[in-house]
C-alpha atoms as a PDB file:
ATOM      1  CA  HIS A   1      66.779  28.730 -30.261  1.00  0.00           C
ATOM      2  CA  VAL A   2      64.062  30.413 -28.147  1.00  0.00           C
ATOM      3  CA  ILE A   3      60.572  31.009 -29.564  1.00  0.00           C
ATOM      4  CA  GLU A   4      58.154  33.260 -27.673  1.00  0.00           C
ATOM      5  CA  LEU A   5      54.412  32.714 -28.235  1.00  0.00           C
ATOM      6  CA  ASP A   6      52.897  35.113 -25.684  1.00  0.00           C
ATOM      7  CA  GLY A   7      50.763  32.619 -23.770  1.00  0.00           C
ATOM      8  CA  LYS A   8      49.177  30.605 -26.592  1.00  0.00           C
ATOM      9  CA  GLY A   9      49.230  27.438 -24.520  1.00  0.00           C
ATOM     10  CA  VAL A  10      51.231  24.223 -24.217  1.00  0.00           C
ATOM     11  CA  GLY A  11      49.780  22.636 -27.362  1.00  0.00           C
ATOM     12  CA  ALA A  12      50.664  25.613 -29.536  1.00  0.00           C
ATOM     13  CA  ALA A  13      54.177  25.707 -28.051  1.00  0.00           C
ATOM     14  CA  ILE A  14      54.822  22.028 -28.808  1.00  0.00           C
ATOM     15  CA  ASP A  15      53.406  22.341 -32.333  1.00  0.00           C
ATOM     16  CA  THR A  16      55.639  25.350 -32.951  1.00  0.00           C
ATOM     17  CA  GLY A  17      58.700  23.406 -31.820  1.00  0.00           C
ATOM     18  CA  HIS A  18      57.874  20.448 -34.068  1.00  0.00           C
ATOM     19  CA  ARG A  19      57.292  22.695 -37.070  1.00  0.00           C
ATOM     20  CA  PHE A  20      60.499  24.617 -36.400  1.00  0.00           C
ATOM     21  CA  LEU A  21      62.451  21.368 -36.736  1.00  0.00           C
ATOM     22  CA  LEU A  22      60.580  20.456 -39.928  1.00  0.00           C
ATOM     23  CA  GLU A  23      61.338  23.825 -41.486  1.00  0.00           C
ATOM     24  CA  HIS A  24      65.024  23.879 -40.521  1.00  0.00           C
ATOM     25  CA  TRP A  25      65.960  20.230 -41.088  1.00  0.00           C
ATOM     26  CA  GLY A  26      63.763  19.612 -44.129  1.00  0.00           C
ATOM     27  CA  SER A  27      64.247  16.112 -45.526  1.00  0.00           C
ATOM     28  CA  GLN A  28      66.897  15.134 -42.961  1.00  0.00           C
ATOM     29  CA  LYS A  29      66.060  12.433 -40.434  1.00  0.00           C
ATOM     30  CA  PHE A  30      65.546  13.590 -36.858  1.00  0.00           C
ATOM     31  CA  ILE A  31      63.624  12.875 -33.666  1.00  0.00           C
ATOM     32  CA  SER A  32      61.703  15.587 -31.830  1.00  0.00           C
ATOM     33  CA  VAL A  33      61.672  15.226 -28.035  1.00  0.00           C
ATOM     34  CA  VAL A  34      59.272  17.182 -25.837  1.00  0.00           C
ATOM     35  CA  VAL A  35      60.627  18.100 -22.392  1.00  0.00           C
ATOM     36  CA  ALA A  36      58.627  20.409 -20.138  1.00  0.00           C
ATOM     37  CA  GLY A  37      60.364  23.292 -18.424  1.00  0.00           C
ATOM     38  CA  ASP A  38      58.764  22.672 -15.022  1.00  0.00           C
ATOM     39  CA  GLY A  39      61.384  20.220 -13.756  1.00  0.00           C
ATOM     40  CA  GLN A  40      58.981  17.248 -13.742  1.00  0.00           C
ATOM     41  CA  MET A  41      60.907  15.294 -16.409  1.00  0.00           C
ATOM     42  CA  ASN A  42      64.267  13.630 -15.795  1.00  0.00           C
ATOM     43  CA  PRO A  43      66.718  14.292 -18.686  1.00  0.00           C
ATOM     44  CA  GLU A  44      68.336  10.910 -17.996  1.00  0.00           C
ATOM     45  CA  ASP A  45      65.138   9.215 -19.225  1.00  0.00           C
ATOM     46  CA  MET A  46      65.551  10.700 -22.706  1.00  0.00           C
ATOM     47  CA  GLU A  47      67.766   7.879 -23.983  1.00  0.00           C
ATOM     48  CA  GLY A  48      64.972   5.404 -23.273  1.00  0.00           C
ATOM     49  CA  LEU A  49      62.564   7.517 -25.323  1.00  0.00           C
ATOM     50  CA  LEU A  50      64.923   7.690 -28.302  1.00  0.00           C
ATOM     51  CA  HIS A  51      65.948   4.033 -28.477  1.00  0.00           C
ATOM     52  CA  PRO A  52      62.690   2.485 -29.850  1.00  0.00           C
ATOM     53  CA  ILE A  53      62.636   4.986 -32.736  1.00  0.00           C
ATOM     54  CA  LEU A  54      66.343   4.548 -33.486  1.00  0.00           C
ATOM     55  CA  ALA A  55      65.822   0.770 -33.445  1.00  0.00           C
ATOM     56  CA  ARG A  56      62.832   1.221 -35.798  1.00  0.00           C
ATOM     57  CA  HIS A  57      60.466  -0.426 -33.324  1.00  0.00           C
ATOM     58  CA  ALA A  58      58.228   2.634 -32.932  1.00  0.00           C
ATOM     59  CA  ASP A  59      57.331   5.959 -34.522  1.00  0.00           C
ATOM     60  CA  TYR A  60      56.119   7.721 -31.377  1.00  0.00           C
ATOM     61  CA  VAL A  61      57.414   6.948 -27.899  1.00  0.00           C
ATOM     62  CA  LYS A  62      55.568   8.083 -24.810  1.00  0.00           C
ATOM     63  CA  GLY A  63      56.874   8.234 -21.277  1.00  0.00           C
ATOM     64  CA  ASP A  64      54.934   6.142 -18.767  1.00  0.00           C
ATOM     65  CA  ARG A  65      55.287   7.161 -15.131  1.00  0.00           C
ATOM     66  CA  PHE A  66      53.368   4.110 -13.925  1.00  0.00           C
ATOM     67  CA  LEU A  67      56.016   1.775 -15.403  1.00  0.00           C
ATOM     68  CA  HIS A  68      58.965   3.387 -13.611  1.00  0.00           C
ATOM     69  CA  ALA A  69      60.680   1.481 -10.791  1.00  0.00           C
ATOM     70  CA  LYS A  70      60.135   4.397  -8.380  1.00  0.00           C
ATOM     71  CA  GLY A  71      56.404   4.335  -9.056  1.00  0.00           C
ATOM     72  CA  VAL A  72      54.091   7.324  -8.728  1.00  0.00           C
ATOM     73  CA  GLN A  73      53.908   7.656  -4.935  1.00  0.00           C
ATOM     74  CA  ASN A  74      54.940  11.308  -5.126  1.00  0.00           C
ATOM     75  CA  MET A  75      52.231  12.097  -7.679  1.00  0.00           C
ATOM     76  CA  PRO A  76      49.221  13.783  -6.014  1.00  0.00           C
ATOM     77  CA  LYS A  77      46.369  11.316  -5.522  1.00  0.00           C
ATOM     78  CA  HIS A  78      43.865  13.308  -7.580  1.00  0.00           C
ATOM     79  CA  ARG A  79      46.348  13.361 -10.482  1.00  0.00           C
ATOM     80  CA  ARG A  80      46.811   9.584 -10.289  1.00  0.00           C
ATOM     81  CA  ILE A  81      43.067   9.041 -10.396  1.00  0.00           C
ATOM     82  CA  ALA A  82      42.589  11.512 -13.255  1.00  0.00           C
ATOM     83  CA  SER A  83      45.465   9.932 -15.207  1.00  0.00           C
ATOM     84  CA  ARG A  84      43.956   6.462 -14.827  1.00  0.00           C
ATOM     85  CA  ILE A  85      40.518   7.630 -15.968  1.00  0.00           C
ATOM     86  CA  LEU A  86      41.869   9.554 -18.955  1.00  0.00           C
ATOM     87  CA  SER A  87      44.176   6.684 -19.911  1.00  0.00           C
ATOM     88  CA  PHE A  88      41.206   4.291 -19.932  1.00  0.00           C
ATOM     89  CA  LEU A  89      39.169   6.669 -22.100  1.00  0.00           C
ATOM     90  CA  THR A  90      42.133   7.207 -24.431  1.00  0.00           C
ATOM     91  CA  THR A  91      42.547   3.429 -24.743  1.00  0.00           C
ATOM     92  CA  LEU A  92      38.953   3.226 -25.956  1.00  0.00           C
ATOM     93  CA  THR A  93      39.246   6.125 -28.392  1.00  0.00           C
ATOM     94  CA  ALA A  94      42.728   5.294 -29.737  1.00  0.00           C
ATOM     95  CA  GLY A  95      42.060   1.591 -30.262  1.00  0.00           C
ATOM     96  CA  GLN A  96      45.125   0.421 -28.322  1.00  0.00           C
ATOM     97  CA  ALA A  97      46.329   0.143 -24.728  1.00  0.00           C
ATOM     98  CA  ILE A  98      47.393   3.482 -23.238  1.00  0.00           C
ATOM     99  CA  SER A  99      48.438   3.423 -19.569  1.00  0.00           C
ATOM    100  CA  ASP A 100      49.667   7.011 -19.006  1.00  0.00           C
ATOM    101  CA  SER A 101      47.972   9.244 -21.546  1.00  0.00           C
ATOM    102  CA  GLN A 102      48.759  12.515 -19.758  1.00  0.00           C
ATOM    103  CA  CYS A 103      52.543  12.179 -19.596  1.00  0.00           C
ATOM    104  CA  GLY A 104      54.002  14.827 -21.899  1.00  0.00           C
ATOM    105  CA  TYR A 105      57.524  13.393 -22.098  1.00  0.00           C
ATOM    106  CA  THR A 106      57.571  12.111 -25.694  1.00  0.00           C
ATOM    107  CA  ALA A 107      59.781  11.399 -28.689  1.00  0.00           C
ATOM    108  CA  THR A 108      58.362  11.694 -32.207  1.00  0.00           C
ATOM    109  CA  SER A 109      59.946  10.531 -35.445  1.00  0.00           C
ATOM    110  CA  CYS A 110      60.238  13.004 -38.308  1.00  0.00           C
ATOM    111  CA  GLU A 111      58.018  10.716 -40.399  1.00  0.00           C
ATOM    112  CA  VAL A 112      55.074  11.303 -38.064  1.00  0.00           C
ATOM    113  CA  LEU A 113      55.610  15.061 -38.169  1.00  0.00           C
ATOM    114  CA  ARG A 114      55.720  15.080 -41.973  1.00  0.00           C
ATOM    115  CA  HIS A 115      52.344  13.312 -42.152  1.00  0.00           C
ATOM    116  CA  TRP A 116      50.714  15.479 -39.483  1.00  0.00           C
ATOM    117  CA  ASN A 117      47.799  17.756 -40.389  1.00  0.00           C
ATOM    118  CA  TRP A 118      48.997  20.973 -38.761  1.00  0.00           C
ATOM    119  CA  ASN A 119      45.900  22.879 -39.872  1.00  0.00           C
ATOM    120  CA  ARG A 120      43.712  20.655 -37.661  1.00  0.00           C
ATOM    121  CA  SER A 121      46.162  20.049 -34.833  1.00  0.00           C
ATOM    122  CA  TRP A 122      44.527  20.347 -31.417  1.00  0.00           C
ATOM    123  CA  LYS A 123      46.076  22.963 -29.143  1.00  0.00           C
ATOM    124  CA  GLY A 124      43.748  23.070 -26.136  1.00  0.00           C
ATOM    125  CA  TYR A 125      43.140  20.810 -23.144  1.00  0.00           C
ATOM    126  CA  GLY A 126      43.661  17.151 -24.023  1.00  0.00           C
ATOM    127  CA  TYR A 127      46.583  17.776 -26.353  1.00  0.00           C
ATOM    128  CA  PRO A 128      48.336  14.453 -25.423  1.00  0.00           C
ATOM    129  CA  ASN A 129      45.100  12.500 -25.922  1.00  0.00           C
ATOM    130  CA  TYR A 130      44.516  14.072 -29.327  1.00  0.00           C
ATOM    131  CA  TRP A 131      47.995  13.079 -30.487  1.00  0.00           C
ATOM    132  CA  LEU A 132      47.519   9.464 -29.424  1.00  0.00           C
ATOM    133  CA  ILE A 133      44.203   9.192 -31.277  1.00  0.00           C
ATOM    134  CA  GLN A 134      45.597  10.780 -34.438  1.00  0.00           C
ATOM    135  CA  ILE A 135      48.755   8.666 -34.420  1.00  0.00           C
ATOM    136  CA  SER A 136      46.560   5.565 -34.218  1.00  0.00           C
ATOM    137  CA  LYS A 137      44.474   6.921 -37.076  1.00  0.00           C
ATOM    138  CA  LEU A 138      47.572   7.417 -39.249  1.00  0.00           C
ATOM    139  CA  GLY A 139      48.808   3.891 -38.527  1.00  0.00           C
ATOM    140  CA  PHE A 140      52.013   4.814 -36.715  1.00  0.00           C
ATOM    141  CA  ARG A 141      53.359   2.620 -33.915  1.00  0.00           C
ATOM    142  CA  ILE A 142      53.250   3.817 -30.309  1.00  0.00           C
ATOM    143  CA  GLN A 143      55.551   2.472 -27.612  1.00  0.00           C
ATOM    144  CA  HIS A 144      55.653   3.243 -23.895  1.00  0.00           C
ATOM    145  CA  VAL A 145      58.830   3.457 -21.788  1.00  0.00           C
ATOM    146  CA  PRO A 146      59.322   4.110 -18.052  1.00  0.00           C
ATOM    147  CA  VAL A 147      60.028   7.696 -16.992  1.00  0.00           C
ATOM    148  CA  GLU A 148      60.419   9.090 -13.502  1.00  0.00           C
ATOM    149  CA  SER A 149      57.530  10.920 -11.868  1.00  0.00           C
ATOM    150  CA  ILE A 150      58.826  14.171 -10.336  1.00  0.00           C
ATOM    151  CA  TYR A 151      56.525  16.469  -8.360  1.00  0.00           C
ATOM    152  CA  GLY A 152      57.103  19.376  -6.013  1.00  0.00           C
ATOM    153  CA  ASP A 153      54.685  21.819  -4.426  1.00  0.00           C
ATOM    154  CA  GLU A 154      53.265  23.142  -7.699  1.00  0.00           C
ATOM    155  CA  VAL A 155      49.501  23.618  -7.926  1.00  0.00           C
ATOM    156  CA  SER A 156      47.527  23.172 -11.142  1.00  0.00           C
ATOM    157  CA  GLY A 157      45.169  25.956 -12.167  1.00  0.00           C
ATOM    158  CA  ILE A 158      43.025  23.680 -14.340  1.00  0.00           C
ATOM    159  CA  ARG A 159      39.364  23.384 -13.371  1.00  0.00           C
ATOM    160  CA  ARG A 160      38.759  19.626 -13.339  1.00  0.00           C
ATOM    161  CA  SER A 161      35.083  19.569 -14.358  1.00  0.00           C
ATOM    162  CA  ARG A 162      35.689  21.877 -17.307  1.00  0.00           C
ATOM    163  CA  PHE A 163      38.778  19.898 -18.294  1.00  0.00           C
ATOM    164  CA  PHE A 164      36.991  16.512 -18.329  1.00  0.00           C
ATOM    165  CA  ILE A 165      33.999  17.850 -20.276  1.00  0.00           C
ATOM    166  CA  HIS A 166      36.188  19.628 -22.819  1.00  0.00           C
ATOM    167  CA  VAL A 167      38.561  16.697 -23.325  1.00  0.00           C
ATOM    168  CA  GLY A 168      35.766  14.109 -23.263  1.00  0.00           C
ATOM    169  CA  ILE A 169      33.876  15.811 -26.086  1.00  0.00           C
ATOM    170  CA  MET A 170      37.075  16.095 -28.125  1.00  0.00           C
ATOM    171  CA  MET A 171      37.922  12.408 -27.674  1.00  0.00           C
ATOM    172  CA  VAL A 172      34.434  11.215 -28.640  1.00  0.00           C
ATOM    173  CA  ARG A 173      34.538  13.385 -31.766  1.00  0.00           C
ATOM    174  CA  GLU A 174      38.016  12.257 -32.806  1.00  0.00           C
ATOM    175  CA  HIS A 175      37.172   8.608 -32.084  1.00  0.00           C
ATOM    176  CA  HIS A 176      34.279   8.804 -34.542  1.00  0.00           C
ATOM    177  CA  ARG A 177      36.405  10.630 -37.113  1.00  0.00           C
ATOM    178  CA  ARG A 178      39.097   7.980 -36.854  1.00  0.00           C
ATOM    179  CA  ASN A 179      36.667   5.121 -37.387  1.00  0.00           C
ATOM    180  CA  PHE A 180      34.761   6.815 -40.201  1.00  0.00           C
ATOM    181  CA  SER A 181      38.021   7.645 -41.995  1.00  0.00           C
ATOM    182  CA  TRP A 182      38.941   3.951 -41.916  1.00  0.00           C
ATOM    183  CA  LEU A 183      35.415   2.861 -42.834  1.00  0.00           C
ATOM    184  CA  LEU A 184      35.428   5.072 -45.932  1.00  0.00           C
ATOM    185  CA  SER A 185      39.011   4.199 -46.874  1.00  0.00           C
ATOM    186  CA  ARG A 186      39.916   2.065 -49.881  1.00  0.00           C
ATOM    187  CA  GLN A 187      41.897  -0.091 -47.466  1.00  0.00           C
ATOM    188  CA  ILE A 188      38.934  -0.903 -45.229  1.00  0.00           C
ATOM    189  CA  THR A 189      39.574  -4.010 -43.138  1.00  0.00           C
ATOM    190  CA  PRO A 190      37.078  -6.596 -41.815  1.00  0.00           C
ATOM    191  CA  HIS A 191      37.999  -5.534 -38.273  1.00  0.00           C
ATOM    192  CA  THR A 192      36.889  -1.968 -38.991  1.00  0.00           C
ATOM    193  CA  LEU A 193      33.622  -3.149 -40.508  1.00  0.00           C
ATOM    194  CA  PHE A 194      32.807  -5.497 -37.619  1.00  0.00           C
ATOM    195  CA  ALA A 195      33.744  -2.827 -35.060  1.00  0.00           C
ATOM    196  CA  SER A 196      31.379  -0.357 -36.730  1.00  0.00           C
ATOM    197  CA  ILE A 197      28.533  -2.886 -36.787  1.00  0.00           C
ATOM    198  CA  ALA A 198      28.987  -3.776 -33.102  1.00  0.00           C
ATOM    199  CA  TYR A 199      29.243  -0.103 -32.184  1.00  0.00           C
ATOM    200  CA  LEU A 200      26.022   0.653 -34.081  1.00  0.00           C
ATOM    201  CA  ILE A 201      24.223  -2.240 -32.383  1.00  0.00           C
ATOM    202  CA  GLY A 202      25.122  -0.693 -29.038  1.00  0.00           C
ATOM    203  CA  TRP A 203      23.553   2.631 -29.969  1.00  0.00           C
ATOM    204  CA  ILE A 204      20.457   0.950 -31.424  1.00  0.00           C
ATOM    205  CA  ALA A 205      19.923  -0.824 -28.105  1.00  0.00           C
ATOM    206  CA  LEU A 206      19.600   2.576 -26.394  1.00  0.00           C
ATOM    207  CA  ILE A 207      17.268   4.211 -28.913  1.00  0.00           C
ATOM    208  CA  PRO A 208      13.580   3.514 -28.183  1.00  0.00           C
ATOM    209  CA  GLY A 209      11.759   1.803 -31.041  1.00  0.00           C
ATOM    210  CA  MET A 210      14.922   0.814 -32.924  1.00  0.00           C
ATOM    211  CA  SER A 211      15.993  -2.313 -31.025  1.00  0.00           C
ATOM    212  CA  THR A 212      16.364  -5.603 -32.897  1.00  0.00           C
ATOM    213  CA  ASP A 213      14.266  -8.670 -32.073  1.00  0.00           C
ATOM    214  CA  PHE A 214      17.247 -10.211 -30.292  1.00  0.00           C
ATOM    215  CA  GLU A 215      17.761  -7.097 -28.171  1.00  0.00           C
ATOM    216  CA  ARG A 216      14.060  -6.939 -27.297  1.00  0.00           C
ATOM    217  CA  GLU A 217      14.206 -10.577 -26.218  1.00  0.00           C
ATOM    218  CA  LEU A 218      17.138  -9.800 -23.926  1.00  0.00           C
ATOM    219  CA  VAL A 219      15.230  -6.857 -22.441  1.00  0.00           C
ATOM    220  CA  ASP A 220      12.202  -9.112 -21.860  1.00  0.00           C
ATOM    221  CA  ARG A 221      14.507 -11.411 -19.901  1.00  0.00           C
ATOM    222  CA  GLY A 222      15.410  -8.554 -17.581  1.00  0.00           C
ATOM    223  CA  ILE A 223      18.652  -7.335 -19.161  1.00  0.00           C
ATOM    224  CA  ALA A 224      18.738  -3.536 -19.225  1.00  0.00           C
ATOM    225  CA  PRO A 225      19.460  -1.866 -22.604  1.00  0.00           C
ATOM    226  CA  ILE A 226      22.512  -0.098 -21.159  1.00  0.00           C
ATOM    227  CA  PHE A 227      24.156  -3.472 -20.433  1.00  0.00           C
ATOM    228  CA  ILE A 228      23.414  -4.638 -23.979  1.00  0.00           C
ATOM    229  CA  ALA A 229      25.012  -1.454 -25.285  1.00  0.00           C
ATOM    230  CA  ILE A 230      28.094  -1.868 -23.072  1.00  0.00           C
ATOM    231  CA  ALA A 231      28.510  -5.490 -24.211  1.00  0.00           C
ATOM    232  CA  ALA A 232      28.218  -4.453 -27.873  1.00  0.00           C
ATOM    233  CA  TRP A 233      30.719  -1.621 -27.413  1.00  0.00           C
ATOM    234  CA  ALA A 234      33.151  -3.996 -25.665  1.00  0.00           C
ATOM    235  CA  VAL A 235      33.009  -6.270 -28.708  1.00  0.00           C
ATOM    236  CA  ALA A 236      33.455  -3.217 -30.942  1.00  0.00           C
ATOM    237  CA  HIS A 237      36.589  -2.239 -29.004  1.00  0.00           C
ATOM    238  CA  VAL A 238      38.097  -5.713 -29.476  1.00  0.00           C
ATOM    239  CA  PHE A 239      37.592  -5.423 -33.241  1.00  0.00           C
ATOM    240  CA  ASP A 240      38.845  -1.823 -33.131  1.00  0.00           C
ATOM    241  CA  ARG A 241      42.130  -2.966 -31.598  1.00  0.00           C
ATOM    242  CA  GLY A 242      42.463  -5.490 -34.401  1.00  0.00           C
ATOM    243  CA  ALA A 243      41.787  -2.749 -36.942  1.00  0.00           C
ATOM    244  CA  THR A 244      44.466  -0.548 -35.349  1.00  0.00           C
ATOM    245  CA  ARG A 245      47.059  -3.324 -35.629  1.00  0.00           C
ATOM    246  CA  THR A 246      46.052  -3.977 -39.236  1.00  0.00           C
ATOM    247  CA  VAL A 247      46.390  -0.300 -40.196  1.00  0.00           C
ATOM    248  CA  GLN A 248      49.861  -0.282 -38.641  1.00  0.00           C
ATOM    249  CA  GLU A 249      50.834  -3.379 -40.634  1.00  0.00           C
ATOM    250  CA  LEU A 250      49.546  -1.824 -43.852  1.00  0.00           C
ATOM    251  CA  ARG A 251      51.668   1.282 -43.259  1.00  0.00           C
ATOM    252  CA  LEU A 252      54.750  -0.826 -42.505  1.00  0.00           C
ATOM    253  CA  ASN A 253      54.216  -2.910 -45.650  1.00  0.00           C
ATOM    254  CA  ALA A 254      53.787   0.214 -47.780  1.00  0.00           C
ATOM    255  CA  LYS A 255      56.965   1.694 -46.297  1.00  0.00           C
ATOM    256  CA  ALA A 256      58.894  -1.524 -46.969  1.00  0.00           C
ATOM    257  CA  ARG A 257      57.799  -1.491 -50.619  1.00  0.00           C
ATOM    258  CA  GLN A 258      58.986   2.112 -50.981  1.00  0.00           C
ATOM    259  CA  GLU A 259      62.401   1.257 -49.552  1.00  0.00           C
ATOM    260  CA  THR A 260      62.984  -1.711 -51.890  1.00  0.00           C
END
């Protein structure tokens, strides 16, 4: 089945494909696999993407070019650097380790698609990053599998500075939304609470006149406020990872109760 969208972008195209499957297969179980039409994804890697979902070990499986035996030597250097930076930022905002955030070769269980908020789905730059943050927010499990990195002579038309600013703002916003949604949830966990406190302490350290006595003492000893903030945010991230795992466990427990 071919759907023409008249240049609405990659995000809109993928969303349309997912929703087409939902509408036509209804309550049946299925897995939606995204394969780009630019020849950069090896069809032989698809089995590896499907297996974790079929084995019920994951709800969303993402290809990871850095894990593949052939490596990423044929990936342009600027793309490797950008992928590493964006993967690090996505790790911070999604609350779990993400090593190749920009790889679009994915497999998604029908359960994820049925819980997705299609009215708010992000369709612009940073579409893969948005999905990872939202899947963490919903408590679904993400797994990474090796996929081959295939590149030819194609040239990207994306302006890098605009891309990083646009995606960076989106990730910061969605990171805060994810944490506030957990903080205000009836199922709030201690990890979420401690992460929020540590995160707030980091911001307080940077705001003149709002520092705590302990922070002022550290500053008097020659420690710059930015380093205090970074240390507090690092602690917040550790708790955030714990909160992410807890939310996943809560979803799994709820699902197990429904099936019994």
